[in-house]
Protein backbone atom coordinates (compact mmCIF):
# COMPACT_ATOMS: atom_id res chain seq x y z
CA UNK A 1 89.96 135.48 106.11
CA UNK A 2 92.64 133.42 103.37
CA UNK A 3 93.71 135.01 100.24
CA UNK A 4 92.29 133.27 96.52
CA UNK A 5 96.03 130.90 97.12
CA UNK A 6 95.66 130.24 101.07
CA UNK A 7 92.10 129.01 99.78
CA UNK A 8 93.22 126.83 96.77
CA UNK A 9 96.19 124.65 99.15
CA UNK A 10 93.14 124.26 101.21
CA UNK A 11 91.04 123.15 98.79
CA UNK A 12 93.87 121.46 96.67
CA UNK A 13 94.41 119.55 100.24
CA UNK A 14 90.45 118.43 101.39
CA UNK A 15 90.50 116.84 97.06
CA UNK A 16 93.56 115.25 97.60
CA UNK A 17 92.78 113.49 101.58
CA UNK A 18 88.92 112.64 99.66
CA UNK A 19 90.74 110.54 97.10
CA UNK A 20 92.47 109.03 99.11
CA UNK A 21 90.32 107.66 100.82
CA UNK A 22 87.83 106.40 98.10
CA UNK A 23 90.86 104.58 96.48
CA UNK A 24 91.41 102.95 100.05
CA UNK A 25 87.62 101.71 100.18
CA UNK A 26 88.65 100.64 96.34
CA UNK A 27 91.32 98.92 97.56
CA UNK A 28 89.76 96.98 100.47
CA UNK A 29 86.17 96.60 98.21
CA UNK A 30 88.41 95.27 95.41
CA UNK A 31 88.85 92.30 98.89
CA UNK A 32 85.96 91.87 99.77
CA UNK A 33 86.85 90.90 103.03
CA UNK A 34 85.09 90.20 105.89
CA UNK A 35 84.15 92.66 108.58
CA UNK A 36 83.56 92.94 112.09
CA UNK A 37 80.83 95.30 112.48
CA UNK A 38 80.32 97.01 116.37
CA UNK A 39 77.11 99.19 116.72
CA UNK A 40 75.49 101.50 118.67
CA UNK A 41 73.97 99.78 121.62
CA UNK A 42 76.92 96.66 121.68
CA UNK A 43 75.59 95.25 118.89
CA UNK A 44 78.04 92.98 116.74
CA UNK A 45 77.31 92.51 113.39
CA UNK A 46 79.42 90.01 110.59
CA UNK A 47 79.77 89.71 107.03
CA UNK A 48 81.69 90.61 103.80
CA UNK A 49 82.11 93.58 102.79
CA UNK A 50 81.18 94.59 98.98
CA UNK A 51 80.45 98.53 98.75
CA UNK A 52 80.48 102.14 99.82
CA UNK A 53 77.90 104.92 99.41
CA UNK A 54 80.01 108.35 97.16
CA UNK A 55 79.48 109.57 100.40
CA UNK A 56 81.01 106.99 102.89
CA UNK A 57 77.29 107.08 104.41
CA UNK A 58 76.26 103.30 104.32
CA UNK A 59 78.30 100.12 103.03
CA UNK A 60 77.01 96.56 102.07
CA UNK A 61 77.61 93.90 103.41
CA UNK A 62 77.05 90.19 101.84
CA UNK A 63 76.02 87.60 104.54
CA UNK A 64 74.83 89.69 107.63
CA UNK A 65 75.08 87.91 110.69
CA UNK A 66 72.64 89.08 113.07
CA UNK A 67 71.56 88.40 116.31
CA UNK A 68 67.83 88.13 114.21
CA UNK A 69 69.46 86.02 111.62
CA UNK A 70 71.28 86.11 108.39
CA UNK A 71 70.80 88.63 106.15
CA UNK A 72 71.87 88.07 102.61
CA UNK A 73 72.42 91.45 101.35
CA UNK A 74 72.40 94.11 103.18
CA UNK A 75 73.52 98.10 103.64
CA UNK A 76 74.42 99.52 107.06
CA UNK A 77 74.51 102.77 107.75
CA UNK A 78 78.22 104.18 108.17
CA UNK A 79 76.69 106.39 111.48
CA UNK A 80 74.83 103.05 113.06
CA UNK A 81 79.13 101.80 112.80
CA UNK A 82 81.06 102.65 116.27
CA UNK A 83 84.00 100.87 114.80
CA UNK A 84 84.75 98.07 111.99
CA UNK A 85 87.69 95.59 111.70
CA UNK A 86 88.72 93.63 109.02
CA UNK A 87 89.87 90.27 108.23
CA UNK A 88 92.62 90.80 106.18
CA UNK A 89 95.10 87.73 105.82
CA UNK A 90 98.97 88.63 104.28
CA UNK A 91 98.20 88.15 100.86
CA UNK A 92 95.30 91.21 101.01
CA UNK A 93 97.82 93.13 103.09
CA UNK A 94 100.42 92.90 100.23
CA UNK A 95 97.62 93.47 97.56
CA UNK A 96 96.65 96.42 99.52
CA UNK A 97 99.81 97.84 100.34
CA UNK A 98 100.91 97.72 96.16
CA UNK A 99 97.40 99.05 95.53
CA UNK A 100 97.99 102.25 97.81
CA UNK A 101 101.81 102.09 97.10
CA UNK A 102 101.12 102.33 93.31
CA UNK A 103 97.43 104.89 93.73
CA UNK A 104 97.22 106.45 97.31
CA UNK A 105 99.43 109.22 96.54
């Protein structure tokens, strides 16, 4: 059983981790990077990531290129994504570094 002080420390730690995750997503979304999504059943789709839900359950993708054609505006369930790759250039990397250095701590 945790003491009240220990529980508060755990809660603060979880809060800070969540805050850092959301700030990182915010920085990524500001770039609208090209993304390749590797989905279940070996399906690969590509597009421009433009948003994520507050509980990180879905991502919004513009011009999603799928095996069935291009979907102008799509939502993809995070639970269907095995992993994703962002295509960012050096300018994007520098912007992310500045954004995270200023806000992700």
